[in-house]
PDB file of all heavy atoms in Angstrom:
ATOM      1  N   VAL A   1      97.946 112.509  96.708  1.00  0.00           N
ATOM      2  CA  VAL A   1      96.704 111.626  96.515  1.00  0.00           C
ATOM      3  C   VAL A   1      97.128 110.337  96.037  1.00  0.00           C
ATOM      4  O   VAL A   1      96.487 109.333  96.490  1.00  0.00           O
ATOM      5  CB  VAL A   1      95.750 112.446  95.561  1.00  0.00           C
ATOM      6  CG1 VAL A   1      94.596 111.508  95.140  1.00  0.00           C
ATOM      7  CG2 VAL A   1      95.430 113.753  95.934  1.00  0.00           C
ATOM      8  N   GLN A   2      98.052 110.187  95.167  1.00  0.00           N
ATOM      9  CA  GLN A   2      98.523 108.890  94.839  1.00  0.00           C
ATOM     10  C   GLN A   2      98.957 107.980  95.990  1.00  0.00           C
ATOM     11  O   GLN A   2      98.652 106.793  95.986  1.00  0.00           O
ATOM     12  CB  GLN A   2      99.678 109.022  93.801  1.00  0.00           C
ATOM     13  CG  GLN A   2     100.463 107.788  93.353  1.00  0.00           C
ATOM     14  CD  GLN A   2      99.433 106.764  92.656  1.00  0.00           C
ATOM     15  OE1 GLN A   2      99.432 106.854  91.384  1.00  0.00           O
ATOM     16  NE2 GLN A   2      98.724 105.899  93.221  1.00  0.00           N
ATOM     17  N   ASP A   3      99.686 108.589  96.907  1.00  0.00           N
ATOM     18  CA  ASP A   3     100.116 107.853  98.092  1.00  0.00           C
ATOM     19  C   ASP A   3      98.977 107.320  98.913  1.00  0.00           C
ATOM     20  O   ASP A   3      98.959 106.270  99.510  1.00  0.00           O
ATOM     21  CB  ASP A   3     100.953 108.737  98.950  1.00  0.00           C
ATOM     22  CG  ASP A   3     102.326 109.018  98.417  1.00  0.00           C
ATOM     23  OD1 ASP A   3     102.651 108.356  97.496  1.00  0.00           O
ATOM     24  OD2 ASP A   3     102.946 110.091  98.788  1.00  0.00           O
ATOM     25  N   ARG A   4      97.776 108.100  98.919  1.00  0.00           N
ATOM     26  CA  ARG A   4      96.632 107.581  99.694  1.00  0.00           C
ATOM     27  C   ARG A   4      95.788 106.629  98.832  1.00  0.00           C
ATOM     28  O   ARG A   4      94.920 106.000  99.461  1.00  0.00           O
ATOM     29  CB  ARG A   4      95.754 108.878 100.048  1.00  0.00           C
ATOM     30  CG  ARG A   4      96.447 109.807 101.036  1.00  0.00           C
ATOM     31  CD  ARG A   4      95.558 110.825 101.726  1.00  0.00           C
ATOM     32  NE  ARG A   4      94.835 111.639 100.685  1.00  0.00           N
ATOM     33  CZ  ARG A   4      95.431 112.800 100.238  1.00  0.00           C
ATOM     34  NH1 ARG A   4      96.471 113.322 100.530  1.00  0.00           N
ATOM     35  NH2 ARG A   4      94.631 113.553  99.365  1.00  0.00           N
ATOM     36  N   HIS A   5      96.055 106.586  97.724  1.00  0.00           N
ATOM     37  CA  HIS A   5      95.228 105.550  96.781  1.00  0.00           C
ATOM     38  C   HIS A   5      96.075 104.654  96.013  1.00  0.00           C
ATOM     39  O   HIS A   5      96.150 104.847  94.631  1.00  0.00           O
ATOM     40  CB  HIS A   5      94.264 106.345  95.936  1.00  0.00           C
ATOM     41  CG  HIS A   5      93.203 107.199  96.608  1.00  0.00           C
ATOM     42  ND1 HIS A   5      92.050 106.740  97.109  1.00  0.00           N
ATOM     43  CD2 HIS A   5      93.365 108.510  97.089  1.00  0.00           C
ATOM     44  CE1 HIS A   5      91.361 107.689  97.751  1.00  0.00           C
ATOM     45  NE2 HIS A   5      92.042 108.735  97.741  1.00  0.00           N
ATOM     46  N   PRO A   6      96.753 103.775  96.568  1.00  0.00           N
ATOM     47  CA  PRO A   6      97.809 102.927  95.824  1.00  0.00           C
ATOM     48  C   PRO A   6      97.028 101.986  94.844  1.00  0.00           C
ATOM     49  O   PRO A   6      97.626 101.441  93.975  1.00  0.00           O
ATOM     50  CB  PRO A   6      98.513 102.204  96.914  1.00  0.00           C
ATOM     51  CG  PRO A   6      97.482 102.102  98.063  1.00  0.00           C
ATOM     52  CD  PRO A   6      96.799 103.456  98.088  1.00  0.00           C
ATOM     53  N   GLU A   7      95.700 101.841  95.135  1.00  0.00           N
ATOM     54  CA  GLU A   7      94.937 100.878  94.115  1.00  0.00           C
ATOM     55  C   GLU A   7      94.770 101.527  92.799  1.00  0.00           C
ATOM     56  O   GLU A   7      94.250 100.757  91.935  1.00  0.00           O
ATOM     57  CB  GLU A   7      93.722 100.352  94.923  1.00  0.00           C
ATOM     58  CG  GLU A   7      92.627 101.400  94.957  1.00  0.00           C
ATOM     59  CD  GLU A   7      92.821 102.405  96.167  1.00  0.00           C
ATOM     60  OE1 GLU A   7      93.835 102.237  96.800  1.00  0.00           O
ATOM     61  OE2 GLU A   7      91.884 103.215  96.319  1.00  0.00           O
ATOM     62  N   LEU A   8      94.846 102.882  92.766  1.00  0.00           N
ATOM     63  CA  LEU A   8      94.628 103.609  91.516  1.00  0.00           C
ATOM     64  C   LEU A   8      95.929 104.213  90.948  1.00  0.00           C
ATOM     65  O   LEU A   8      96.854 104.377  91.771  1.00  0.00           O
ATOM     66  CB  LEU A   8      93.613 104.681  91.762  1.00  0.00           C
ATOM     67  CG  LEU A   8      92.215 104.131  92.122  1.00  0.00           C
ATOM     68  CD1 LEU A   8      91.282 105.383  92.517  1.00  0.00           C
ATOM     69  CD2 LEU A   8      91.551 103.362  90.985  1.00  0.00           C
ATOM     70  N   ARG A   9      95.958 104.589  89.788  1.00  0.00           N
ATOM     71  CA  ARG A   9      97.055 105.259  89.160  1.00  0.00           C
ATOM     72  C   ARG A   9      96.579 106.698  89.064  1.00  0.00           C
ATOM     73  O   ARG A   9      95.626 107.069  88.297  1.00  0.00           O
ATOM     74  CB  ARG A   9      97.347 104.690  87.739  1.00  0.00           C
ATOM     75  CG  ARG A   9      98.499 105.409  87.095  1.00  0.00           C
ATOM     76  CD  ARG A   9      98.816 104.843  85.749  1.00  0.00           C
ATOM     77  NE  ARG A   9      99.894 105.374  85.095  1.00  0.00           N
ATOM     78  CZ  ARG A   9     100.526 104.924  83.896  1.00  0.00           C
ATOM     79  NH1 ARG A   9      99.803 104.020  83.298  1.00  0.00           N
ATOM     80  NH2 ARG A   9     101.509 105.627  83.442  1.00  0.00           N
ATOM     81  N   VAL A  10      97.298 107.574  89.821  1.00  0.00           N
ATOM     82  CA  VAL A  10      96.849 109.059  89.874  1.00  0.00           C
ATOM     83  C   VAL A  10      98.193 109.794  89.509  1.00  0.00           C
ATOM     84  O   VAL A  10      99.127 109.893  90.301  1.00  0.00           O
ATOM     85  CB  VAL A  10      96.353 109.452  91.347  1.00  0.00           C
ATOM     86  CG1 VAL A  10      95.969 110.977  91.317  1.00  0.00           C
ATOM     87  CG2 VAL A  10      95.249 108.497  91.746  1.00  0.00           C
ATOM     88  N   GLU A  11      98.190 110.432  88.403  1.00  0.00           N
ATOM     89  CA  GLU A  11      99.294 111.001  87.713  1.00  0.00           C
ATOM     90  C   GLU A  11      98.894 112.286  86.995  1.00  0.00           C
ATOM     91  O   GLU A  11      97.958 112.306  86.358  1.00  0.00           O
ATOM     92  CB  GLU A  11     100.141 110.107  86.813  1.00  0.00           C
ATOM     93  CG  GLU A  11     100.662 108.916  87.729  1.00  0.00           C
ATOM     94  CD  GLU A  11     101.371 107.897  86.700  1.00  0.00           C
ATOM     95  OE1 GLU A  11     101.254 108.108  85.428  1.00  0.00           O
ATOM     96  OE2 GLU A  11     101.856 106.832  87.223  1.00  0.00           O
ATOM     97  N   GLN A  12      99.793 113.185  87.059  1.00  0.00           N
ATOM     98  CA  GLN A  12      99.543 114.522  86.449  1.00  0.00           C
ATOM     99  C   GLN A  12     100.464 114.707  85.174  1.00  0.00           C
ATOM    100  O   GLN A  12     101.711 114.325  85.146  1.00  0.00           O
ATOM    101  CB  GLN A  12      99.821 115.673  87.471  1.00  0.00           C
ATOM    102  CG  GLN A  12      99.506 117.085  86.746  1.00  0.00           C
ATOM    103  CD  GLN A  12      99.754 118.217  87.822  1.00  0.00           C
ATOM    104  OE1 GLN A  12      99.796 117.986  89.038  1.00  0.00           O
ATOM    105  NE2 GLN A  12      99.994 119.506  87.282  1.00  0.00           N
ATOM    106  N   ALA A  13      99.832 115.426  84.138  1.00  0.00           N
ATOM    107  CA  ALA A  13     100.651 115.752  82.982  1.00  0.00           C
ATOM    108  C   ALA A  13      99.987 117.065  82.360  1.00  0.00           C
ATOM    109  O   ALA A  13      98.851 117.283  82.592  1.00  0.00           O
ATOM    110  CB  ALA A  13     100.568 114.687  81.832  1.00  0.00           C
ATOM    111  N   GLY A  14     100.729 117.706  81.456  1.00  0.00           N
ATOM    112  CA  GLY A  14     100.158 118.860  80.888  1.00  0.00           C
ATOM    113  C   GLY A  14     101.320 119.733  80.416  1.00  0.00           C
ATOM    114  O   GLY A  14     102.606 119.397  80.617  1.00  0.00           O
ATOM    115  N   ALA A  15     100.988 121.005  79.904  1.00  0.00           N
ATOM    116  CA  ALA A  15     101.970 121.868  79.417  1.00  0.00           C
ATOM    117  C   ALA A  15     102.932 122.374  80.390  1.00  0.00           C
ATOM    118  O   ALA A  15     104.130 122.356  80.314  1.00  0.00           O
ATOM    119  CB  ALA A  15     101.346 123.142  78.716  1.00  0.00           C
ATOM    120  N   ALA A  16     102.532 122.802  81.610  1.00  0.00           N
ATOM    121  CA  ALA A  16     103.353 123.324  82.685  1.00  0.00           C
ATOM    122  C   ALA A  16     104.153 122.151  83.247  1.00  0.00           C
ATOM    123  O   ALA A  16     105.413 122.384  83.615  1.00  0.00           O
ATOM    124  CB  ALA A  16     102.410 124.035  83.707  1.00  0.00           C
ATOM    125  N   SER A  17     103.605 121.017  83.534  1.00  0.00           N
ATOM    126  CA  SER A  17     104.318 120.014  84.170  1.00  0.00           C
ATOM    127  C   SER A  17     105.414 119.373  83.321  1.00  0.00           C
ATOM    128  O   SER A  17     106.527 119.068  83.825  1.00  0.00           O
ATOM    129  CB  SER A  17     103.335 118.854  84.716  1.00  0.00           C
ATOM    130  OG  SER A  17     102.557 118.377  83.539  1.00  0.00           O
ATOM    131  N   ILE A  18     105.246 119.204  82.054  1.00  0.00           N
ATOM    132  CA  ILE A  18     106.203 118.676  81.107  1.00  0.00           C
ATOM    133  C   ILE A  18     107.271 119.795  81.020  1.00  0.00           C
ATOM    134  O   ILE A  18     108.571 119.329  80.854  1.00  0.00           O
ATOM    135  CB  ILE A  18     105.605 118.331  79.810  1.00  0.00           C
ATOM    136  CG1 ILE A  18     106.678 117.449  79.147  1.00  0.00           C
ATOM    137  CG2 ILE A  18     105.289 119.518  78.889  1.00  0.00           C
ATOM    138  CD1 ILE A  18     106.114 116.548  77.867  1.00  0.00           C
ATOM    139  N   GLN A  19     107.087 121.060  81.042  1.00  0.00           N
ATOM    140  CA  GLN A  19     107.989 122.059  80.973  1.00  0.00           C
ATOM    141  C   GLN A  19     108.888 122.004  82.250  1.00  0.00           C
ATOM    142  O   GLN A  19     110.194 122.147  82.283  1.00  0.00           O
ATOM    143  CB  GLN A  19     107.437 123.380  80.782  1.00  0.00           C
ATOM    144  CG  GLN A  19     108.520 124.590  80.746  1.00  0.00           C
ATOM    145  CD  GLN A  19     109.398 124.471  79.473  1.00  0.00           C
ATOM    146  OE1 GLN A  19     109.073 123.893  78.516  1.00  0.00           O
ATOM    147  NE2 GLN A  19     110.563 125.005  79.642  1.00  0.00           N
ATOM    148  N   ARG A  20     108.209 121.696  83.342  1.00  0.00           N
ATOM    149  CA  ARG A  20     108.922 121.742  84.659  1.00  0.00           C
ATOM    150  C   ARG A  20     109.826 120.476  84.779  1.00  0.00           C
ATOM    151  O   ARG A  20     110.974 120.630  85.219  1.00  0.00           O
ATOM    152  CB  ARG A  20     107.868 121.677  85.770  1.00  0.00           C
ATOM    153  CG  ARG A  20     108.420 121.606  87.231  1.00  0.00           C
ATOM    154  CD  ARG A  20     109.149 122.798  87.570  1.00  0.00           C
ATOM    155  NE  ARG A  20     109.619 122.671  89.036  1.00  0.00           N
ATOM    156  CZ  ARG A  20     110.199 123.671  89.577  1.00  0.00           C
ATOM    157  NH1 ARG A  20     110.697 124.744  88.900  1.00  0.00           N
ATOM    158  NH2 ARG A  20     110.723 123.466  90.779  1.00  0.00           N
ATOM    159  N   LEU A  21     109.265 119.350  84.412  1.00  0.00           N
ATOM    160  CA  LEU A  21     110.031 118.049  84.661  1.00  0.00           C
ATOM    161  C   LEU A  21     110.900 117.741  83.533  1.00  0.00           C
ATOM    162  O   LEU A  21     112.045 117.457  83.682  1.00  0.00           O
ATOM    163  CB  LEU A  21     108.964 117.061  84.908  1.00  0.00           C
ATOM    164  CG  LEU A  21     108.056 117.108  86.141  1.00  0.00           C
ATOM    165  CD1 LEU A  21     107.120 115.934  86.224  1.00  0.00           C
ATOM    166  CD2 LEU A  21     108.847 117.161  87.425  1.00  0.00           C
ATOM    167  N   ALA A  22     110.345 117.676  82.329  1.00  0.00           N
ATOM    168  CA  ALA A  22     111.099 117.258  81.060  1.00  0.00           C
ATOM    169  C   ALA A  22     111.922 118.376  80.543  1.00  0.00           C
ATOM    170  O   ALA A  22     113.106 118.241  80.108  1.00  0.00           O
ATOM    171  CB  ALA A  22     110.214 116.669  80.177  1.00  0.00           C
ATOM    172  N   GLY A  23     111.369 119.637  80.559  1.00  0.00           N
ATOM    173  CA  GLY A  23     112.058 120.771  80.040  1.00  0.00           C
ATOM    174  C   GLY A  23     113.419 121.081  80.750  1.00  0.00           C
ATOM    175  O   GLY A  23     114.420 121.399  80.190  1.00  0.00           O
ATOM    176  N   VAL A  24     113.286 120.962  82.077  1.00  0.00           N
ATOM    177  CA  VAL A  24     114.508 121.074  82.820  1.00  0.00           C
ATOM    178  C   VAL A  24     115.554 119.998  82.496  1.00  0.00           C
ATOM    179  O   VAL A  24     116.839 120.396  82.291  1.00  0.00           O
ATOM    180  CB  VAL A  24     114.265 121.070  84.447  1.00  0.00           C
ATOM    181  CG1 VAL A  24     115.541 121.148  85.153  1.00  0.00           C
ATOM    182  CG2 VAL A  24     113.389 122.218  84.772  1.00  0.00           C
ATOM    183  N   ALA A  25     115.150 118.890  82.363  1.00  0.00           N
ATOM    184  CA  ALA A  25     116.152 117.765  82.067  1.00  0.00           C
ATOM    185  C   ALA A  25     116.758 117.969  80.604  1.00  0.00           C
ATOM    186  O   ALA A  25     117.928 117.793  80.407  1.00  0.00           O
ATOM    187  CB  ALA A  25     115.348 116.504  82.056  1.00  0.00           C
ATOM    188  N   VAL A  26     115.875 118.428  79.690  1.00  0.00           N
ATOM    189  CA  VAL A  26     116.562 118.751  78.278  1.00  0.00           C
ATOM    190  C   VAL A  26     117.487 119.827  78.325  1.00  0.00           C
ATOM    191  O   VAL A  26     118.429 119.770  77.714  1.00  0.00           O
ATOM    192  CB  VAL A  26     115.356 118.996  77.398  1.00  0.00           C
ATOM    193  CG1 VAL A  26     115.859 119.376  76.048  1.00  0.00           C
ATOM    194  CG2 VAL A  26     114.399 117.725  77.165  1.00  0.00           C
TER     195      VAL A  26
END
């Protein structure tokens, strides 16, 4: 969706996504 709407900021965050993205890095 972000790719189709470059004029807007469309980003996801939450318990599952931070565990997926940041938790793996930590």
